[in-house]
Amino acid sequence: SIKEVTTKSDLKAFVKFPFKLYKDSKYWAPPIISE
């Protein structure tokens, strides 16, 4: 299912998804969430 981002919580989920996807990668450099 596809959901469009419309709320602040959706946007946080969008920004934070790579933190879950790459949690075991030693080559991924996380972005600054606030930025």
Full PDB file with SEQRES, HELIX, SHEET, SSBOND, CRYST1, ORIGX, SCALE, CONECT and MASTER records, all heavy atoms in Angstrom:
SEQRES   1 A   35  SER ILE LYS GLU VAL THR THR LYS SER ASP LEU LYS ALA          
SEQRES   2 A   35  PHE VAL LYS PHE PRO PHE LYS LEU TYR LYS ASP SER LYS          
SEQRES   3 A   35  TYR TRP ALA PRO PRO ILE ILE SER GLU                          
HELIX    1 AA1 LYS A    8  LEU A   21  1                                  14    
CRYST1    1.000    1.000    1.000  90.00  90.00  90.00 P 1           1          
ORIGX1      1.000000  0.000000  0.000000        0.00000                         
ORIGX2      0.000000  1.000000  0.000000        0.00000                         
ORIGX3      0.000000  0.000000  1.000000        0.00000                         
SCALE1      1.000000  0.000000  0.000000        0.00000                         
SCALE2      0.000000  1.000000  0.000000        0.00000                         
SCALE3      0.000000  0.000000  1.000000        0.00000                         
ATOM      1  N   SER A   1       0.852  -1.189   0.000  1.00  0.00           N  
ATOM      2  CA  SER A   1       0.000   0.000   0.000  1.00  0.00           C  
ATOM      3  C   SER A   1       0.887   1.237   0.000  1.00  0.00           C  
ATOM      4  O   SER A   1       1.953   1.243   0.620  1.00  0.00           O  
ATOM      5  CB  SER A   1      -0.928   0.010   1.220  1.00  0.00           C  
ATOM      6  OG  SER A   1      -0.192   0.051   2.420  1.00  0.00           O  
ATOM      7  N   ILE A   2       0.450   2.267  -0.709  1.00  0.00           N  
ATOM      8  CA  ILE A   2       1.199   3.518  -0.824  1.00  0.00           C  
ATOM      9  C   ILE A   2       0.433   4.620  -0.111  1.00  0.00           C  
ATOM     10  O   ILE A   2      -0.767   4.800  -0.331  1.00  0.00           O  
ATOM     11  CB  ILE A   2       1.423   3.905  -2.301  1.00  0.00           C  
ATOM     12  CG1 ILE A   2       2.179   2.801  -3.043  1.00  0.00           C  
ATOM     13  CG2 ILE A   2       2.196   5.236  -2.380  1.00  0.00           C  
ATOM     14  CD1 ILE A   2       3.583   2.533  -2.528  1.00  0.00           C  
ATOM     15  N   LYS A   3       1.125   5.373   0.721  1.00  0.00           N  
ATOM     16  CA  LYS A   3       0.513   6.463   1.464  1.00  0.00           C  
ATOM     17  C   LYS A   3       1.266   7.748   1.177  1.00  0.00           C  
ATOM     18  O   LYS A   3       2.497   7.791   1.274  1.00  0.00           O  
ATOM     19  CB  LYS A   3       0.553   6.167   2.967  1.00  0.00           C  
ATOM     20  CG  LYS A   3      -0.039   7.281   3.829  1.00  0.00           C  
ATOM     21  CD  LYS A   3       0.092   6.949   5.316  1.00  0.00           C  
ATOM     22  CE  LYS A   3      -0.519   8.053   6.165  1.00  0.00           C  
ATOM     23  NZ  LYS A   3      -0.350   7.781   7.625  1.00  0.00           N  
ATOM     24  N   GLU A   4       0.549   8.803   0.819  1.00  0.00           N  
ATOM     25  CA  GLU A   4       1.194  10.092   0.617  1.00  0.00           C  
ATOM     26  C   GLU A   4       1.442  10.766   1.966  1.00  0.00           C  
ATOM     27  O   GLU A   4       0.606  10.698   2.872  1.00  0.00           O  
ATOM     28  CB  GLU A   4       0.346  10.997  -0.275  1.00  0.00           C  
ATOM     29  CG  GLU A   4       1.037  12.314  -0.603  1.00  0.00           C  
ATOM     30  CD  GLU A   4       0.394  13.082  -1.735  1.00  0.00           C  
ATOM     31  OE1 GLU A   4      -0.644  12.618  -2.264  1.00  0.00           O  
ATOM     32  OE2 GLU A   4       0.947  14.148  -2.111  1.00  0.00           O  
ATOM     33  N   VAL A   5       2.577  11.429   2.089  1.00  0.00           N  
ATOM     34  CA  VAL A   5       2.928  12.143   3.316  1.00  0.00           C  
ATOM     35  C   VAL A   5       2.067  13.403   3.417  1.00  0.00           C  
ATOM     36  O   VAL A   5       2.123  14.271   2.540  1.00  0.00           O  
ATOM     37  CB  VAL A   5       4.423  12.505   3.322  1.00  0.00           C  
ATOM     38  CG1 VAL A   5       4.752  13.450   4.472  1.00  0.00           C  
ATOM     39  CG2 VAL A   5       5.269  11.243   3.405  1.00  0.00           C  
ATOM     40  N   THR A   6       1.290  13.486   4.482  1.00  0.00           N  
ATOM     41  CA  THR A   6       0.416  14.653   4.671  1.00  0.00           C  
ATOM     42  C   THR A   6       0.519  15.249   6.065  1.00  0.00           C  
ATOM     43  O   THR A   6       0.037  16.353   6.291  1.00  0.00           O  
ATOM     44  CB  THR A   6      -1.058  14.276   4.409  1.00  0.00           C  
ATOM     45  OG1 THR A   6      -1.441  13.209   5.291  1.00  0.00           O  
ATOM     46  CG2 THR A   6      -1.268  13.850   2.966  1.00  0.00           C  
ATOM     47  N   THR A   7       1.135  14.533   7.001  1.00  0.00           N  
ATOM     48  CA  THR A   7       1.218  15.008   8.381  1.00  0.00           C  
ATOM     49  C   THR A   7       2.666  15.072   8.840  1.00  0.00           C  
ATOM     50  O   THR A   7       3.572  14.541   8.188  1.00  0.00           O  
ATOM     51  CB  THR A   7       0.454  14.062   9.327  1.00  0.00           C  
ATOM     52  OG1 THR A   7       1.127  12.788   9.364  1.00  0.00           O  
ATOM     53  CG2 THR A   7      -0.978  13.869   8.860  1.00  0.00           C  
ATOM     54  N   LYS A   8       2.901  15.719   9.959  1.00  0.00           N  
ATOM     55  CA  LYS A   8       4.241  15.793  10.530  1.00  0.00           C  
ATOM     56  C   LYS A   8       4.763  14.407  10.888  1.00  0.00           C  
ATOM     57  O   LYS A   8       5.953  14.114  10.703  1.00  0.00           O  
ATOM     58  CB  LYS A   8       4.242  16.691  11.762  1.00  0.00           C  
ATOM     59  CG  LYS A   8       4.068  18.168  11.448  1.00  0.00           C  
ATOM     60  CD  LYS A   8       4.159  19.011  12.723  1.00  0.00           C  
ATOM     61  CE  LYS A   8       4.028  20.494  12.405  1.00  0.00           C  
ATOM     62  NZ  LYS A   8       4.105  21.333  13.630  1.00  0.00           N  
ATOM     63  N   SER A   9       3.900  13.557  11.402  1.00  0.00           N  
ATOM     64  CA  SER A   9       4.340  12.201  11.750  1.00  0.00           C  
ATOM     65  C   SER A   9       4.698  11.407  10.505  1.00  0.00           C  
ATOM     66  O   SER A   9       5.652  10.612  10.513  1.00  0.00           O  
ATOM     67  CB  SER A   9       3.257  11.475  12.555  1.00  0.00           C  
ATOM     68  OG  SER A   9       2.058  11.364  11.813  1.00  0.00           O  
ATOM     69  N   ASP A  10       3.961  11.636   9.409  1.00  0.00           N  
ATOM     70  CA  ASP A  10       4.316  10.985   8.130  1.00  0.00           C  
ATOM     71  C   ASP A  10       5.705  11.444   7.671  1.00  0.00           C  
ATOM     72  O   ASP A  10       6.517  10.636   7.208  1.00  0.00           O  
ATOM     73  CB  ASP A  10       3.301  11.351   7.044  1.00  0.00           C  
ATOM     74  CG  ASP A  10       1.950  10.713   7.238  1.00  0.00           C  
ATOM     75  OD1 ASP A  10       1.854   9.728   7.986  1.00  0.00           O  
ATOM     76  OD2 ASP A  10       0.980  11.217   6.637  1.00  0.00           O  
ATOM     77  N   LEU A  11       5.948  12.744   7.781  1.00  0.00           N  
ATOM     78  CA  LEU A  11       7.227  13.287   7.333  1.00  0.00           C  
ATOM     79  C   LEU A  11       8.375  12.724   8.169  1.00  0.00           C  
ATOM     80  O   LEU A  11       9.444  12.401   7.638  1.00  0.00           O  
ATOM     81  CB  LEU A  11       7.213  14.812   7.398  1.00  0.00           C  
ATOM     82  CG  LEU A  11       8.482  15.515   6.910  1.00  0.00           C  
ATOM     83  CD1 LEU A  11       8.818  15.121   5.480  1.00  0.00           C  
ATOM     84  CD2 LEU A  11       8.334  17.036   7.015  1.00  0.00           C  
ATOM     85  N   LYS A  12       8.170  12.608   9.471  1.00  0.00           N  
ATOM     86  CA  LYS A  12       9.206  12.019  10.321  1.00  0.00           C  
ATOM     87  C   LYS A  12       9.466  10.570   9.923  1.00  0.00           C  
ATOM     88  O   LYS A  12      10.614  10.119   9.889  1.00  0.00           O  
ATOM     89  CB  LYS A  12       8.795  12.102  11.783  1.00  0.00           C  
ATOM     90  CG  LYS A  12       8.915  13.496  12.379  1.00  0.00           C  
ATOM     91  CD  LYS A  12       8.578  13.495  13.864  1.00  0.00           C  
ATOM     92  CE  LYS A  12       8.727  14.900  14.453  1.00  0.00           C  
ATOM     93  NZ  LYS A  12       8.371  14.921  15.907  1.00  0.00           N  
ATOM     94  N   ALA A  13       8.406   9.851   9.599  1.00  0.00           N  
ATOM     95  CA  ALA A  13       8.569   8.465   9.158  1.00  0.00           C  
ATOM     96  C   ALA A  13       9.356   8.408   7.850  1.00  0.00           C  
ATOM     97  O   ALA A  13      10.212   7.536   7.648  1.00  0.00           O  
ATOM     98  CB  ALA A  13       7.203   7.807   8.987  1.00  0.00           C  
ATOM     99  N   PHE A  14       9.074   9.361   6.954  1.00  0.00           N  
ATOM    100  CA  PHE A  14       9.780   9.444   5.672  1.00  0.00           C  
ATOM    101  C   PHE A  14      11.275   9.675   5.903  1.00  0.00           C  
ATOM    102  O   PHE A  14      12.126   8.991   5.314  1.00  0.00           O  
ATOM    103  CB  PHE A  14       9.183  10.588   4.845  1.00  0.00           C  
ATOM    104  CG  PHE A  14       9.787  10.770   3.481  1.00  0.00           C  
ATOM    105  CD1 PHE A  14       9.245  10.144   2.381  1.00  0.00           C  
ATOM    106  CD2 PHE A  14      10.895  11.594   3.294  1.00  0.00           C  
ATOM    107  CE1 PHE A  14       9.800  10.323   1.114  1.00  0.00           C  
ATOM    108  CE2 PHE A  14      11.453  11.778   2.040  1.00  0.00           C  
ATOM    109  CZ  PHE A  14      10.902  11.134   0.946  1.00  0.00           C  
ATOM    110  N   VAL A  15      11.602  10.647   6.746  1.00  0.00           N  
ATOM    111  CA  VAL A  15      13.001  11.005   7.007  1.00  0.00           C  
ATOM    112  C   VAL A  15      13.737   9.895   7.753  1.00  0.00           C  
ATOM    113  O   VAL A  15      14.915   9.631   7.494  1.00  0.00           O  
ATOM    114  CB  VAL A  15      13.060  12.334   7.788  1.00  0.00           C  
ATOM    115  CG1 VAL A  15      14.464  12.591   8.335  1.00  0.00           C  
ATOM    116  CG2 VAL A  15      12.617  13.491   6.893  1.00  0.00           C  
ATOM    117  N   LYS A  16      13.043   9.214   8.647  1.00  0.00           N  
ATOM    118  CA  LYS A  16      13.705   8.224   9.507  1.00  0.00           C  
ATOM    119  C   LYS A  16      13.761   6.822   8.898  1.00  0.00           C  
ATOM    120  O   LYS A  16      14.469   5.956   9.425  1.00  0.00           O  
ATOM    121  CB  LYS A  16      13.004   8.164  10.861  1.00  0.00           C  
ATOM    122  CG  LYS A  16      13.212   9.415  11.712  1.00  0.00           C  
ATOM    123  CD  LYS A  16      12.565   9.257  13.084  1.00  0.00           C  
ATOM    124  CE  LYS A  16      12.836  10.450  13.965  1.00  0.00           C  
ATOM    125  NZ  LYS A  16      12.233  10.305  15.318  1.00  0.00           N  
ATOM    126  N   PHE A  17      13.061   6.580   7.801  1.00  0.00           N  
ATOM    127  CA  PHE A  17      13.059   5.228   7.226  1.00  0.00           C  
ATOM    128  C   PHE A  17      14.463   4.690   6.943  1.00  0.00           C  
ATOM    129  O   PHE A  17      14.760   3.533   7.254  1.00  0.00           O  
ATOM    130  CB  PHE A  17      12.205   5.181   5.956  1.00  0.00           C  
ATOM    131  CG  PHE A  17      12.322   3.870   5.224  1.00  0.00           C  
ATOM    132  CD1 PHE A  17      11.851   2.699   5.793  1.00  0.00           C  
ATOM    133  CD2 PHE A  17      12.935   3.801   3.976  1.00  0.00           C  
ATOM    134  CE1 PHE A  17      11.970   1.478   5.126  1.00  0.00           C  
ATOM    135  CE2 PHE A  17      13.065   2.604   3.311  1.00  0.00           C  
ATOM    136  CZ  PHE A  17      12.580   1.430   3.884  1.00  0.00           C  
ATOM    137  N   PRO A  18      15.385   5.485   6.355  1.00  0.00           N  
ATOM    138  CA  PRO A  18      16.725   4.942   6.096  1.00  0.00           C  
ATOM    139  C   PRO A  18      17.467   4.503   7.361  1.00  0.00           C  
ATOM    140  O   PRO A  18      18.362   3.647   7.287  1.00  0.00           O  
ATOM    141  CB  PRO A  18      17.455   6.106   5.411  1.00  0.00           C  
ATOM    142  CG  PRO A  18      16.369   6.938   4.833  1.00  0.00           C  
ATOM    143  CD  PRO A  18      15.248   6.844   5.819  1.00  0.00           C  
ATOM    144  N   PHE A  19      17.137   5.083   8.503  1.00  0.00           N  
ATOM    145  CA  PHE A  19      17.782   4.677   9.748  1.00  0.00           C  
ATOM    146  C   PHE A  19      17.484   3.213  10.058  1.00  0.00           C  
ATOM    147  O   PHE A  19      18.327   2.509  10.625  1.00  0.00           O  
ATOM    148  CB  PHE A  19      17.321   5.567  10.911  1.00  0.00           C  
ATOM    149  CG  PHE A  19      17.892   6.956  10.866  1.00  0.00           C  
ATOM    150  CD1 PHE A  19      17.368   7.914  10.013  1.00  0.00           C  
ATOM    151  CD2 PHE A  19      18.961   7.306  11.674  1.00  0.00           C  
ATOM    152  CE1 PHE A  19      17.903   9.201   9.958  1.00  0.00           C  
ATOM    153  CE2 PHE A  19      19.503   8.588  11.633  1.00  0.00           C  
ATOM    154  CZ  PHE A  19      18.975   9.532  10.773  1.00  0.00           C  
ATOM    155  N   LYS A  20      16.308   2.785   9.682  1.00  0.00           N  
ATOM    156  CA  LYS A  20      15.947   1.371   9.849  1.00  0.00           C  
ATOM    157  C   LYS A  20      16.587   0.516   8.760  1.00  0.00           C  
ATOM    158  O   LYS A  20      17.162  -0.547   9.038  1.00  0.00           O  
ATOM    159  CB  LYS A  20      14.420   1.236   9.805  1.00  0.00           C  
ATOM    160  CG  LYS A  20      13.912  -0.192   9.780  1.00  0.00           C  
ATOM    161  CD  LYS A  20      12.403  -0.216   9.554  1.00  0.00           C  
ATOM    162  CE  LYS A  20      11.890  -1.642   9.374  1.00  0.00           C  
ATOM    163  NZ  LYS A  20      10.433  -1.667   9.060  1.00  0.00           N  
ATOM    164  N   LEU A  21      16.511   0.999   7.527  1.00  0.00           N  
ATOM    165  CA  LEU A  21      17.002   0.221   6.388  1.00  0.00           C  
ATOM    166  C   LEU A  21      18.507  -0.014   6.467  1.00  0.00           C  
ATOM    167  O   LEU A  21      18.999  -1.100   6.135  1.00  0.00           O  
ATOM    168  CB  LEU A  21      16.648   0.955   5.092  1.00  0.00           C  
ATOM    169  CG  LEU A  21      16.960   0.235   3.777  1.00  0.00           C  
ATOM    170  CD1 LEU A  21      16.109  -1.018   3.634  1.00  0.00           C  
ATOM    171  CD2 LEU A  21      16.707   1.173   2.588  1.00  0.00           C  
ATOM    172  N   TYR A  22      19.250   1.013   6.922  1.00  0.00           N  
ATOM    173  CA  TYR A  22      20.713   0.939   6.917  1.00  0.00           C  
ATOM    174  C   TYR A  22      21.314   0.783   8.311  1.00  0.00           C  
ATOM    175  O   TYR A  22      22.497   1.062   8.515  1.00  0.00           O  
ATOM    176  CB  TYR A  22      21.289   2.199   6.255  1.00  0.00           C  
ATOM    177  CG  TYR A  22      20.955   2.305   4.793  1.00  0.00           C  
ATOM    178  CD1 TYR A  22      19.981   3.200   4.348  1.00  0.00           C  
ATOM    179  CD2 TYR A  22      21.591   1.504   3.852  1.00  0.00           C  
ATOM    180  CE1 TYR A  22      19.656   3.296   3.008  1.00  0.00           C  
ATOM    181  CE2 TYR A  22      21.276   1.592   2.511  1.00  0.00           C  
ATOM    182  CZ  TYR A  22      20.309   2.491   2.095  1.00  0.00           C  
ATOM    183  OH  TYR A  22      19.996   2.573   0.765  1.00  0.00           O  
ATOM    184  N   LYS A  23      20.522   0.314   9.260  1.00  0.00           N  
ATOM    185  CA  LYS A  23      20.998   0.254  10.641  1.00  0.00           C  
ATOM    186  C   LYS A  23      22.220  -0.657  10.800  1.00  0.00           C  
ATOM    187  O   LYS A  23      23.029  -0.460  11.712  1.00  0.00           O  
ATOM    188  CB  LYS A  23      19.887  -0.212  11.568  1.00  0.00           C  
ATOM    189  CG  LYS A  23      19.395  -1.629  11.308  1.00  0.00           C  
ATOM    190  CD  LYS A  23      18.283  -2.005  12.276  1.00  0.00           C  
ATOM    191  CE  LYS A  23      17.799  -3.439  12.016  1.00  0.00           C  
ATOM    192  NZ  LYS A  23      16.729  -3.820  12.973  1.00  0.00           N  
ATOM    193  N   ASP A  24      22.387  -1.623   9.909  1.00  0.00           N  
ATOM    194  CA  ASP A  24      23.519  -2.543  10.020  1.00  0.00           C  
ATOM    195  C   ASP A  24      24.651  -2.211   9.049  1.00  0.00           C  
ATOM    196  O   ASP A  24      25.633  -2.955   8.949  1.00  0.00           O  
ATOM    197  CB  ASP A  24      23.048  -3.983   9.772  1.00  0.00           C  
ATOM    198  CG  ASP A  24      22.050  -4.452  10.810  1.00  0.00           C  
ATOM    199  OD1 ASP A  24      22.216  -4.093  11.990  1.00  0.00           O  
ATOM    200  OD2 ASP A  24      21.092  -5.175  10.443  1.00  0.00           O  
ATOM    201  N   SER A  25      24.532  -1.083   8.327  1.00  0.00           N  
ATOM    202  CA  SER A  25      25.562  -0.715   7.350  1.00  0.00           C  
ATOM    203  C   SER A  25      26.628   0.166   8.000  1.00  0.00           C  
ATOM    204  O   SER A  25      26.306   1.157   8.654  1.00  0.00           O  
ATOM    205  CB  SER A  25      24.934   0.044   6.178  1.00  0.00           C  
ATOM    206  OG  SER A  25      25.937   0.555   5.315  1.00  0.00           O  
ATOM    207  N   LYS A  26      27.875  -0.192   7.778  1.00  0.00           N  
ATOM    208  CA  LYS A  26      28.972   0.631   8.306  1.00  0.00           C  
ATOM    209  C   LYS A  26      29.412   1.694   7.302  1.00  0.00           C  
ATOM    210  O   LYS A  26      30.333   2.466   7.580  1.00  0.00           O  
ATOM    211  CB  LYS A  26      30.153  -0.240   8.705  1.00  0.00           C  
ATOM    212  CG  LYS A  26      30.759  -1.065   7.584  1.00  0.00           C  
ATOM    213  CD  LYS A  26      31.878  -1.955   8.123  1.00  0.00           C  
ATOM    214  CE  LYS A  26      32.494  -2.814   7.031  1.00  0.00           C  
ATOM    215  NZ  LYS A  26      33.569  -3.701   7.553  1.00  0.00           N  
ATOM    216  N   TYR A  27      28.749   1.732   6.144  1.00  0.00           N  
ATOM    217  CA  TYR A  27      29.124   2.694   5.110  1.00  0.00           C  
ATOM    218  C   TYR A  27      28.117   3.828   4.953  1.00  0.00           C  
ATOM    219  O   TYR A  27      28.404   4.821   4.303  1.00  0.00           O  
ATOM    220  CB  TYR A  27      29.300   1.982   3.767  1.00  0.00           C  
ATOM    221  CG  TYR A  27      30.302   0.857   3.822  1.00  0.00           C  
ATOM    222  CD1 TYR A  27      29.920  -0.464   3.573  1.00  0.00           C  
ATOM    223  CD2 TYR A  27      31.634   1.108   4.152  1.00  0.00           C  
ATOM    224  CE1 TYR A  27      30.840  -1.493   3.632  1.00  0.00           C  
ATOM    225  CE2 TYR A  27      32.558   0.075   4.220  1.00  0.00           C  
ATOM    226  CZ  TYR A  27      32.150  -1.226   3.961  1.00  0.00           C  
ATOM    227  OH  TYR A  27      33.054  -2.250   4.028  1.00  0.00           O  
ATOM    228  N   TRP A  28      26.938   3.676   5.527  1.00  0.00           N  
ATOM    229  CA  TRP A  28      25.901   4.702   5.429  1.00  0.00           C  
ATOM    230  C   TRP A  28      26.146   5.776   6.483  1.00  0.00           C  
ATOM    231  O   TRP A  28      26.379   5.474   7.654  1.00  0.00           O  
ATOM    232  CB  TRP A  28      24.524   4.081   5.635  1.00  0.00           C  
ATOM    233  CG  TRP A  28      23.389   5.062   5.618  1.00  0.00           C  
ATOM    234  CD1 TRP A  28      22.957   5.798   4.561  1.00  0.00           C  
ATOM    235  CD2 TRP A  28      22.530   5.398   6.722  1.00  0.00           C  
ATOM    236  NE1 TRP A  28      21.875   6.577   4.923  1.00  0.00           N  
ATOM    237  CE2 TRP A  28      21.591   6.356   6.244  1.00  0.00           C  
ATOM    238  CE3 TRP A  28      22.459   4.987   8.054  1.00  0.00           C  
ATOM    239  CZ2 TRP A  28      20.604   6.902   7.055  1.00  0.00           C  
ATOM    240  CZ3 TRP A  28      21.474   5.536   8.868  1.00  0.00           C  
ATOM    241  CH2 TRP A  28      20.563   6.477   8.376  1.00  0.00           C  
ATOM    242  N   ALA A  29      26.106   7.040   6.067  1.00  0.00           N  
ATOM    243  CA  ALA A  29      26.246   8.165   6.989  1.00  0.00           C  
ATOM    244  C   ALA A  29      24.868   8.812   7.152  1.00  0.00           C  
ATOM    245  O   ALA A  29      24.316   9.353   6.194  1.00  0.00           O  
ATOM    246  CB  ALA A  29      27.242   9.187   6.459  1.00  0.00           C  
ATOM    247  N   PRO A  30      24.291   8.755   8.340  1.00  0.00           N  
ATOM    248  CA  PRO A  30      22.937   9.287   8.537  1.00  0.00           C  
ATOM    249  C   PRO A  30      22.879  10.785   8.286  1.00  0.00           C  
ATOM    250  O   PRO A  30      23.824  11.522   8.598  1.00  0.00           O  
ATOM    251  CB  PRO A  30      22.646   8.987  10.012  1.00  0.00           C  
ATOM    252  CG  PRO A  30      23.634   7.955  10.418  1.00  0.00           C  
ATOM    253  CD  PRO A  30      24.847   8.186   9.581  1.00  0.00           C  
ATOM    254  N   PRO A  31      21.772  11.268   7.752  1.00  0.00           N  
ATOM    255  CA  PRO A  31      21.580  12.711   7.665  1.00  0.00           C  
ATOM    256  C   PRO A  31      21.250  13.257   9.048  1.00  0.00           C  
ATOM    257  O   PRO A  31      20.947  12.503   9.977  1.00  0.00           O  
ATOM    258  CB  PRO A  31      20.388  12.847   6.722  1.00  0.00           C  
ATOM    259  CG  PRO A  31      19.582  11.614   7.001  1.00  0.00           C  
ATOM    260  CD  PRO A  31      20.603  10.525   7.248  1.00  0.00           C  
ATOM    261  N   ILE A  32      21.312  14.575   9.189  1.00  0.00           N  
ATOM    262  CA  ILE A  32      20.844  15.220  10.416  1.00  0.00           C  
ATOM    263  C   ILE A  32      19.327  15.359  10.288  1.00  0.00           C  
ATOM    264  O   ILE A  32      18.831  16.026   9.373  1.00  0.00           O  
ATOM    265  CB  ILE A  32      21.517  16.588  10.609  1.00  0.00           C  
ATOM    266  CG1 ILE A  32      23.035  16.405  10.733  1.00  0.00           C  
ATOM    267  CG2 ILE A  32      20.974  17.292  11.844  1.00  0.00           C  
ATOM    268  CD1 ILE A  32      23.811  17.704  10.721  1.00  0.00           C  
ATOM    269  N   ILE A  33      18.601  14.706  11.160  1.00  0.00           N  
ATOM    270  CA  ILE A  33      17.149  14.615  11.029  1.00  0.00           C  
ATOM    271  C   ILE A  33      16.505  15.992  10.938  1.00  0.00           C  
ATOM    272  O   ILE A  33      15.642  16.232  10.078  1.00  0.00           O  
ATOM    273  CB  ILE A  33      16.556  13.809  12.200  1.00  0.00           C  
ATOM    274  CG1 ILE A  33      17.009  12.353  12.103  1.00  0.00           C  
ATOM    275  CG2 ILE A  33      15.032  13.900  12.208  1.00  0.00           C  
ATOM    276  CD1 ILE A  33      16.657  11.509  13.324  1.00  0.00           C  
ATOM    277  N   SER A  34      16.910  16.906  11.794  1.00  0.00           N  
ATOM    278  CA  SER A  34      16.297  18.239  11.791  1.00  0.00           C  
ATOM    279  C   SER A  34      16.522  18.953  10.464  1.00  0.00           C  
ATOM    280  O   SER A  34      15.640  19.677   9.975  1.00  0.00           O  
ATOM    281  CB  SER A  34      16.846  19.080  12.943  1.00  0.00           C  
ATOM    282  OG  SER A  34      18.259  19.233  12.841  1.00  0.00           O  
ATOM    283  N   GLU A  35      17.694  18.749   9.843  1.00  0.00           N  
ATOM    284  CA  GLU A  35      17.975  19.380   8.558  1.00  0.00           C  
ATOM    285  C   GLU A  35      17.166  18.751   7.434  1.00  0.00           C  
ATOM    286  O   GLU A  35      16.703  19.441   6.517  1.00  0.00           O  
ATOM    287  CB  GLU A  35      19.473  19.296   8.249  1.00  0.00           C  
ATOM    288  CG  GLU A  35      20.345  20.132   9.156  1.00  0.00           C  
ATOM    289  CD  GLU A  35      20.029  21.617   9.072  1.00  0.00           C  
ATOM    290  OE1 GLU A  35      19.879  22.132   7.941  1.00  0.00           O  
ATOM    291  OE2 GLU A  35      19.913  22.258  10.137  1.00  0.00           O  
TER     292      GLU A  35                                                      
MASTER        0    0    0    1    0    0    0    6  291    1    0    3          
END                                                                             
